[in-house]
């Protein structure tokens, strides 16, 4: 694996908020907002030269589906 990095984003009532990011040689820790309804992790992998992947995973999701859907509609499903 040549590179594996990730970026966390939290959906809150005020919109998307940047979270922790892990780069190959450093990590920037950011606190998790108490009012988050969703946390997404965007992962970027480069296993070989000229080959890369970007995907996302849900790290945490609120049980309040109505609020989650409302905020996704207002601020977008992704940051």
PDB file of N, CA and C in Angstrom:
ATOM      1  N   UNK A   1       0.851  -1.176   0.000  1.00  0.00           N
ATOM      2  CA  UNK A   1       0.000   0.000   0.000  1.00  0.00           C
ATOM      3  C   UNK A   1       0.893   1.235   0.000  1.00  0.00           C
ATOM      4  N   UNK A   2       0.748   2.058  -1.029  1.00  0.00           N
ATOM      5  CA  UNK A   2       1.546   3.279  -1.117  1.00  0.00           C
ATOM      6  C   UNK A   2       0.992   4.385  -0.217  1.00  0.00           C
ATOM      7  N   UNK A   3      -0.340   4.432  -0.087  1.00  0.00           N
ATOM      8  CA  UNK A   3      -0.953   5.486   0.697  1.00  0.00           C
ATOM      9  C   UNK A   3      -2.333   5.050   1.161  1.00  0.00           C
ATOM     10  N   UNK A   4      -2.678   5.419   2.405  1.00  0.00           N
ATOM     11  CA  UNK A   4      -4.039   5.226   2.911  1.00  0.00           C
ATOM     12  C   UNK A   4      -4.322   6.372   3.867  1.00  0.00           C
ATOM     13  N   UNK A   5      -5.246   7.224   3.457  1.00  0.00           N
ATOM     14  CA  UNK A   5      -5.596   8.398   4.245  1.00  0.00           C
ATOM     15  C   UNK A   5      -7.108   8.415   4.455  1.00  0.00           C
ATOM     16  N   UNK A   6      -7.551   9.132   5.515  1.00  0.00           N
ATOM     17  CA  UNK A   6      -8.989   9.296   5.702  1.00  0.00           C
ATOM     18  C   UNK A   6      -9.304  10.665   6.277  1.00  0.00           C
ATOM     19  N   UNK A   7     -10.549  11.065   6.040  1.00  0.00           N
ATOM     20  CA  UNK A   7     -11.051  12.358   6.485  1.00  0.00           C
ATOM     21  C   UNK A   7     -12.449  12.133   7.050  1.00  0.00           C
ATOM     22  N   UNK A   8     -12.664  12.513   8.313  1.00  0.00           N
ATOM     23  CA  UNK A   8     -13.977  12.377   8.941  1.00  0.00           C
ATOM     24  C   UNK A   8     -14.761  13.679   8.804  1.00  0.00           C
ATOM     25  N   UNK A   9     -16.063  13.548   8.589  1.00  0.00           N
ATOM     26  CA  UNK A   9     -16.962  14.693   8.517  1.00  0.00           C
ATOM     27  C   UNK A   9     -18.201  14.362   9.339  1.00  0.00           C
ATOM     28  N   UNK A  10     -18.699  15.368  10.068  1.00  0.00           N
ATOM     29  CA  UNK A  10     -19.855  15.197  10.942  1.00  0.00           C
ATOM     30  C   UNK A  10     -20.987  16.099  10.445  1.00  0.00           C
ATOM     31  N   UNK A  11     -22.166  15.524  10.276  1.00  0.00           N
ATOM     32  CA  UNK A  11     -23.346  16.300   9.921  1.00  0.00           C
ATOM     33  C   UNK A  11     -24.018  16.751  11.212  1.00  0.00           C
ATOM     34  N   UNK A  12     -24.191  18.069  11.349  1.00  0.00           N
ATOM     35  CA  UNK A  12     -24.800  18.662  12.544  1.00  0.00           C
ATOM     36  C   UNK A  12     -25.952  19.568  12.112  1.00  0.00           C
ATOM     37  N   UNK A  13     -26.743  20.068  13.051  1.00  0.00           N
ATOM     38  CA  UNK A  13     -27.809  21.012  12.691  1.00  0.00           C
ATOM     39  C   UNK A  13     -27.291  22.293  12.021  1.00  0.00           C
ATOM     40  N   UNK A  14     -25.986  22.571  12.134  1.00  0.00           N
ATOM     41  CA  UNK A  14     -25.390  23.739  11.491  1.00  0.00           C
ATOM     42  C   UNK A  14     -24.682  23.390  10.187  1.00  0.00           C
ATOM     43  N   UNK A  15     -24.774  22.145   9.739  1.00  0.00           N
ATOM     44  CA  UNK A  15     -24.133  21.717   8.502  1.00  0.00           C
ATOM     45  C   UNK A  15     -23.000  20.732   8.756  1.00  0.00           C
ATOM     46  N   UNK A  16     -22.208  20.504   7.713  1.00  0.00           N
ATOM     47  CA  UNK A  16     -21.083  19.566   7.796  1.00  0.00           C
ATOM     48  C   UNK A  16     -19.906  20.220   8.513  1.00  0.00           C
ATOM     49  N   UNK A  17     -19.285  19.465   9.409  1.00  0.00           N
ATOM     50  CA  UNK A  17     -18.141  19.935  10.194  1.00  0.00           C
ATOM     51  C   UNK A  17     -16.983  18.974   9.956  1.00  0.00           C
ATOM     52  N   UNK A  18     -15.791  19.520   9.713  1.00  0.00           N
ATOM     53  CA  UNK A  18     -14.608  18.674   9.533  1.00  0.00           C
ATOM     54  C   UNK A  18     -14.255  17.984  10.841  1.00  0.00           C
ATOM     55  N   UNK A  19     -13.875  16.729  10.712  1.00  0.00           N
ATOM     56  CA  UNK A  19     -13.437  15.966  11.863  1.00  0.00           C
ATOM     57  C   UNK A  19     -11.971  15.598  11.725  1.00  0.00           C
ATOM     58  N   UNK A  20     -11.584  14.537  12.381  1.00  0.00           N
ATOM     59  CA  UNK A  20     -10.203  14.070  12.363  1.00  0.00           C
ATOM     60  C   UNK A  20      -9.786  13.708  10.946  1.00  0.00           C
ATOM     61  N   UNK A  21      -8.533  13.986  10.635  1.00  0.00           N
ATOM     62  CA  UNK A  21      -7.986  13.545   9.348  1.00  0.00           C
ATOM     63  C   UNK A  21      -6.669  12.837   9.594  1.00  0.00           C
ATOM     64  N   UNK A  22      -6.486  11.741   8.887  1.00  0.00           N
ATOM     65  CA  UNK A  22      -5.265  10.935   8.998  1.00  0.00           C
ATOM     66  C   UNK A  22      -4.596  10.911   7.640  1.00  0.00           C
ATOM     67  N   UNK A  23      -3.439  11.552   7.572  1.00  0.00           N
ATOM     68  CA  UNK A  23      -2.637  11.518   6.358  1.00  0.00           C
ATOM     69  C   UNK A  23      -1.537  10.483   6.560  1.00  0.00           C
ATOM     70  N   UNK A  24      -0.782  10.212   5.537  1.00  0.00           N
ATOM     71  CA  UNK A  24       0.243   9.176   5.648  1.00  0.00           C
ATOM     72  C   UNK A  24       1.244   9.432   6.771  1.00  0.00           C
ATOM     73  N   UNK A  25       1.580  10.704   6.998  1.00  0.00           N
ATOM     74  CA  UNK A  25       2.637  11.012   7.951  1.00  0.00           C
ATOM     75  C   UNK A  25       2.178  11.865   9.117  1.00  0.00           C
ATOM     76  N   UNK A  26       0.889  12.121   9.231  1.00  0.00           N
ATOM     77  CA  UNK A  26       0.401  12.922  10.346  1.00  0.00           C
ATOM     78  C   UNK A  26      -1.085  12.684  10.566  1.00  0.00           C
ATOM     79  N   UNK A  27      -1.528  13.015  11.764  1.00  0.00           N
ATOM     80  CA  UNK A  27      -2.940  12.938  12.115  1.00  0.00           C
ATOM     81  C   UNK A  27      -3.330  14.242  12.784  1.00  0.00           C
ATOM     82  N   UNK A  28      -4.452  14.805  12.357  1.00  0.00           N
ATOM     83  CA  UNK A  28      -5.003  15.994  12.997  1.00  0.00           C
ATOM     84  C   UNK A  28      -6.282  15.572  13.699  1.00  0.00           C
ATOM     85  N   UNK A  29      -6.249  15.578  15.018  1.00  0.00           N
ATOM     86  CA  UNK A  29      -7.411  15.186  15.816  1.00  0.00           C
ATOM     87  C   UNK A  29      -8.336  16.381  16.007  1.00  0.00           C
ATOM     88  N   UNK A  30      -9.612  16.179  15.767  1.00  0.00           N
ATOM     89  CA  UNK A  30     -10.625  17.197  16.028  1.00  0.00           C
ATOM     90  C   UNK A  30     -11.734  16.550  16.849  1.00  0.00           C
ATOM     91  N   UNK A  31     -12.279  17.299  17.779  1.00  0.00           N
ATOM     92  CA  UNK A  31     -13.317  16.746  18.654  1.00  0.00           C
ATOM     93  C   UNK A  31     -14.597  16.481  17.862  1.00  0.00           C
ATOM     94  N   UNK A  32     -15.357  15.535  18.352  1.00  0.00           N
ATOM     95  CA  UNK A  32     -16.625  15.155  17.732  1.00  0.00           C
ATOM     96  C   UNK A  32     -17.717  16.061  18.283  1.00  0.00           C
ATOM     97  N   UNK A  33     -18.466  16.748  17.419  1.00  0.00           N
ATOM     98  CA  UNK A  33     -19.548  17.618  17.905  1.00  0.00           C
ATOM     99  C   UNK A  33     -20.606  16.807  18.649  1.00  0.00           C
ATOM    100  N   UNK A  34     -21.060  17.336  19.767  1.00  0.00           N
ATOM    101  CA  UNK A  34     -22.072  16.630  20.565  1.00  0.00           C
ATOM    102  C   UNK A  34     -23.413  16.531  19.850  1.00  0.00           C
ATOM    103  N   UNK A  35     -23.676  17.461  18.919  1.00  0.00           N
ATOM    104  CA  UNK A  35     -24.965  17.484  18.241  1.00  0.00           C
ATOM    105  C   UNK A  35     -24.941  16.813  16.865  1.00  0.00           C
ATOM    106  N   UNK A  36     -23.935  16.004  16.609  1.00  0.00           N
ATOM    107  CA  UNK A  36     -23.852  15.330  15.300  1.00  0.00           C
ATOM    108  C   UNK A  36     -24.998  14.342  15.132  1.00  0.00           C
ATOM    109  N   UNK A  37     -25.392  14.130  13.881  1.00  0.00           N
ATOM    110  CA  UNK A  37     -26.394  13.110  13.576  1.00  0.00           C
ATOM    111  C   UNK A  37     -25.819  12.041  12.659  1.00  0.00           C
ATOM    112  N   UNK A  38     -24.625  12.333  12.093  1.00  0.00           N
ATOM    113  CA  UNK A  38     -23.988  11.385  11.187  1.00  0.00           C
ATOM    114  C   UNK A  38     -22.495  11.677  11.129  1.00  0.00           C
ATOM    115  N   UNK A  39     -21.691  10.631  11.099  1.00  0.00           N
ATOM    116  CA  UNK A  39     -20.262  10.784  10.854  1.00  0.00           C
ATOM    117  C   UNK A  39     -19.892   9.902   9.676  1.00  0.00           C
ATOM    118  N   UNK A  40     -19.318  10.551   8.641  1.00  0.00           N
ATOM    119  CA  UNK A  40     -18.829   9.843   7.462  1.00  0.00           C
ATOM    120  C   UNK A  40     -17.309   9.879   7.448  1.00  0.00           C
ATOM    121  N   UNK A  41     -16.720   8.814   6.977  1.00  0.00           N
ATOM    122  CA  UNK A  41     -15.267   8.758   6.778  1.00  0.00           C
ATOM    123  C   UNK A  41     -15.018   8.569   5.286  1.00  0.00           C
ATOM    124  N   UNK A  42     -14.298   9.508   4.691  1.00  0.00           N
ATOM    125  CA  UNK A  42     -13.879   9.422   3.303  1.00  0.00           C
ATOM    126  C   UNK A  42     -12.474   8.830   3.310  1.00  0.00           C
ATOM    127  N   UNK A  43     -12.295   7.714   2.635  1.00  0.00           N
ATOM    128  CA  UNK A  43     -11.026   6.989   2.633  1.00  0.00           C
ATOM    129  C   UNK A  43     -10.437   7.037   1.232  1.00  0.00           C
ATOM    130  N   UNK A  44      -9.158   7.362   1.173  1.00  0.00           N
ATOM    131  CA  UNK A  44      -8.441   7.380  -0.099  1.00  0.00           C
ATOM    132  C   UNK A  44      -7.267   6.411   0.000  1.00  0.00           C
ATOM    133  N   UNK A  45      -7.243   5.440  -0.875  1.00  0.00           N
ATOM    134  CA  UNK A  45      -6.179   4.437  -0.892  1.00  0.00           C
ATOM    135  C   UNK A  45      -5.473   4.443  -2.248  1.00  0.00           C
ATOM    136  N   UNK A  46      -4.166   4.315  -2.191  1.00  0.00           N
ATOM    137  CA  UNK A  46      -3.365   4.140  -3.402  1.00  0.00           C
ATOM    138  C   UNK A  46      -2.519   2.887  -3.178  1.00  0.00           C
ATOM    139  N   UNK A  47      -2.992   1.734  -3.665  1.00  0.00           N
ATOM    140  CA  UNK A  47      -2.261   0.489  -3.431  1.00  0.00           C
ATOM    141  C   UNK A  47      -1.046   0.330  -4.351  1.00  0.00           C
ATOM    142  N   UNK A  48      -1.134   0.891  -5.550  1.00  0.00           N
ATOM    143  CA  UNK A  48      -0.070   0.759  -6.546  1.00  0.00           C
ATOM    144  C   UNK A  48       0.020   2.062  -7.340  1.00  0.00           C
ATOM    145  N   UNK A  49       1.147   2.342  -7.955  1.00  0.00           N
ATOM    146  CA  UNK A  49       1.232   3.526  -8.811  1.00  0.00           C
ATOM    147  C   UNK A  49       0.125   3.495  -9.878  1.00  0.00           C
ATOM    148  N   UNK A  50      -0.459   4.651 -10.145  1.00  0.00           N
ATOM    149  CA  UNK A  50      -1.516   4.805 -11.151  1.00  0.00           C
ATOM    150  C   UNK A  50      -2.812   4.081 -10.816  1.00  0.00           C
ATOM    151  N   UNK A  51      -2.986   3.724  -9.560  1.00  0.00           N
ATOM    152  CA  UNK A  51      -4.225   3.054  -9.143  1.00  0.00           C
ATOM    153  C   UNK A  51      -4.646   3.637  -7.807  1.00  0.00           C
ATOM    154  N   UNK A  52      -5.846   4.196  -7.760  1.00  0.00           N
ATOM    155  CA  UNK A  52      -6.334   4.780  -6.521  1.00  0.00           C
ATOM    156  C   UNK A  52      -7.809   4.523  -6.335  1.00  0.00           C
ATOM    157  N   UNK A  53      -8.240   4.525  -5.089  1.00  0.00           N
ATOM    158  CA  UNK A  53      -9.632   4.293  -4.739  1.00  0.00           C
ATOM    159  C   UNK A  53     -10.063   5.345  -3.734  1.00  0.00           C
ATOM    160  N   UNK A  54     -11.305   5.776  -3.859  1.00  0.00           N
ATOM    161  CA  UNK A  54     -11.892   6.685  -2.884  1.00  0.00           C
ATOM    162  C   UNK A  54     -13.269   6.132  -2.555  1.00  0.00           C
ATOM    163  N   UNK A  55     -13.523   5.947  -1.286  1.00  0.00           N
ATOM    164  CA  UNK A  55     -14.830   5.442  -0.871  1.00  0.00           C
ATOM    165  C   UNK A  55     -15.167   6.021   0.489  1.00  0.00           C
ATOM    166  N   UNK A  56     -16.404   5.826   0.899  1.00  0.00           N
ATOM    167  CA  UNK A  56     -16.830   6.348   2.192  1.00  0.00           C
ATOM    168  C   UNK A  56     -17.480   5.247   3.006  1.00  0.00           C
ATOM    169  N   UNK A  57     -17.454   5.461   4.313  1.00  0.00           N
ATOM    170  CA  UNK A  57     -18.152   4.547   5.210  1.00  0.00           C
ATOM    171  C   UNK A  57     -18.816   5.351   6.316  1.00  0.00           C
ATOM    172  N   UNK A  58     -19.940   4.862   6.760  1.00  0.00           N
ATOM    173  CA  UNK A  58     -20.639   5.485   7.883  1.00  0.00           C
ATOM    174  C   UNK A  58     -19.965   4.989   9.156  1.00  0.00           C
ATOM    175  N   UNK A  59     -19.461   5.924   9.941  1.00  0.00           N
ATOM    176  CA  UNK A  59     -18.800   5.592  11.201  1.00  0.00           C
ATOM    177  C   UNK A  59     -19.815   5.569  12.346  1.00  0.00           C
ATOM    178  N   UNK A  60     -20.767   6.513  12.279  1.00  0.00           N
ATOM    179  CA  UNK A  60     -21.794   6.608  13.320  1.00  0.00           C
ATOM    180  C   UNK A  60     -23.020   7.268  12.727  1.00  0.00           C
ATOM    181  N   UNK A  61     -24.217   6.818  13.166  1.00  0.00           N
ATOM    182  CA  UNK A  61     -25.477   7.380  12.674  1.00  0.00           C
ATOM    183  C   UNK A  61     -26.474   7.465  13.812  1.00  0.00           C
ATOM    184  N   UNK A  62     -27.159   8.582  13.915  1.00  0.00           N
ATOM    185  CA  UNK A  62     -28.193   8.790  14.934  1.00  0.00           C
ATOM    186  C   UNK A  62     -29.391   7.885  14.667  1.00  0.00           C
ATOM    187  N   UNK A  63     -30.111   7.571  15.721  1.00  0.00           N
ATOM    188  CA  UNK A  63     -31.354   6.812  15.579  1.00  0.00           C
ATOM    189  C   UNK A  63     -32.512   7.693  15.116  1.00  0.00           C
ATOM    190  N   UNK A  64     -32.331   9.020  15.174  1.00  0.00           N
ATOM    191  CA  UNK A  64     -33.371   9.970  14.773  1.00  0.00           C
ATOM    192  C   UNK A  64     -33.337  10.122  13.250  1.00  0.00           C
ATOM    193  N   UNK A  65     -33.982   9.210  12.564  1.00  0.00           N
ATOM    194  CA  UNK A  65     -33.960   9.164  11.100  1.00  0.00           C
ATOM    195  C   UNK A  65     -34.621  10.405  10.492  1.00  0.00           C
ATOM    196  N   UNK A  66     -35.674  10.921  11.126  1.00  0.00           N
ATOM    197  CA  UNK A  66     -36.342  12.116  10.594  1.00  0.00           C
ATOM    198  C   UNK A  66     -35.396  13.311  10.576  1.00  0.00           C
ATOM    199  N   UNK A  67     -34.677  13.541  11.677  1.00  0.00           N
ATOM    200  CA  UNK A  67     -33.720  14.644  11.737  1.00  0.00           C
ATOM    201  C   UNK A  67     -32.579  14.408  10.753  1.00  0.00           C
ATOM    202  N   UNK A  68     -32.093  13.188  10.685  1.00  0.00           N
ATOM    203  CA  UNK A  68     -31.014  12.849   9.762  1.00  0.00           C
ATOM    204  C   UNK A  68     -31.413  13.162   8.320  1.00  0.00           C
ATOM    205  N   UNK A  69     -32.590  12.731   7.911  1.00  0.00           N
ATOM    206  CA  UNK A  69     -33.063  12.986   6.545  1.00  0.00           C
ATOM    207  C   UNK A  69     -33.274  14.480   6.284  1.00  0.00           C
ATOM    208  N   UNK A  70     -33.784  15.191   7.280  1.00  0.00           N
ATOM    209  CA  UNK A  70     -33.992  16.638   7.152  1.00  0.00           C
ATOM    210  C   UNK A  70     -32.665  17.364   6.924  1.00  0.00           C
ATOM    211  N   UNK A  71     -31.655  17.013   7.708  1.00  0.00           N
ATOM    212  CA  UNK A  71     -30.355  17.671   7.588  1.00  0.00           C
ATOM    213  C   UNK A  71     -29.631  17.274   6.304  1.00  0.00           C
ATOM    214  N   UNK A  72     -29.783  16.034   5.863  1.00  0.00           N
ATOM    215  CA  UNK A  72     -29.202  15.623   4.581  1.00  0.00           C
ATOM    216  C   UNK A  72     -29.829  16.409   3.431  1.00  0.00           C
ATOM    217  N   UNK A  73     -31.139  16.617   3.509  1.00  0.00           N
ATOM    218  CA  UNK A  73     -31.820  17.380   2.467  1.00  0.00           C
ATOM    219  C   UNK A  73     -31.351  18.830   2.465  1.00  0.00           C
ATOM    220  N   UNK A  74     -31.152  19.393   3.647  1.00  0.00           N
ATOM    221  CA  UNK A  74     -30.758  20.792   3.770  1.00  0.00           C
ATOM    222  C   UNK A  74     -29.292  21.029   3.376  1.00  0.00           C
ATOM    223  N   UNK A  75     -28.383  20.134   3.825  1.00  0.00           N
ATOM    224  CA  UNK A  75     -26.958  20.366   3.655  1.00  0.00           C
ATOM    225  C   UNK A  75     -26.278  19.407   2.669  1.00  0.00           C
ATOM    226  N   UNK A  76     -27.017  18.441   2.144  1.00  0.00           N
ATOM    227  CA  UNK A  76     -26.463  17.473   1.217  1.00  0.00           C
ATOM    228  C   UNK A  76     -26.099  16.176   1.930  1.00  0.00           C
ATOM    229  N   UNK A  77     -26.127  15.086   1.177  1.00  0.00           N
ATOM    230  CA  UNK A  77     -25.843  13.764   1.742  1.00  0.00           C
ATOM    231  C   UNK A  77     -24.372  13.557   2.019  1.00  0.00           C
ATOM    232  N   UNK A  78     -23.516  14.406   1.420  1.00  0.00           N
ATOM    233  CA  UNK A  78     -22.066  14.312   1.605  1.00  0.00           C
ATOM    234  C   UNK A  78     -21.497  15.717   1.775  1.00  0.00           C
ATOM    235  N   UNK A  79     -20.376  15.812   2.447  1.00  0.00           N
ATOM    236  CA  UNK A  79     -19.750  17.136   2.618  1.00  0.00           C
ATOM    237  C   UNK A  79     -19.214  17.691   1.300  1.00  0.00           C
TER     238      UNK A  79
END
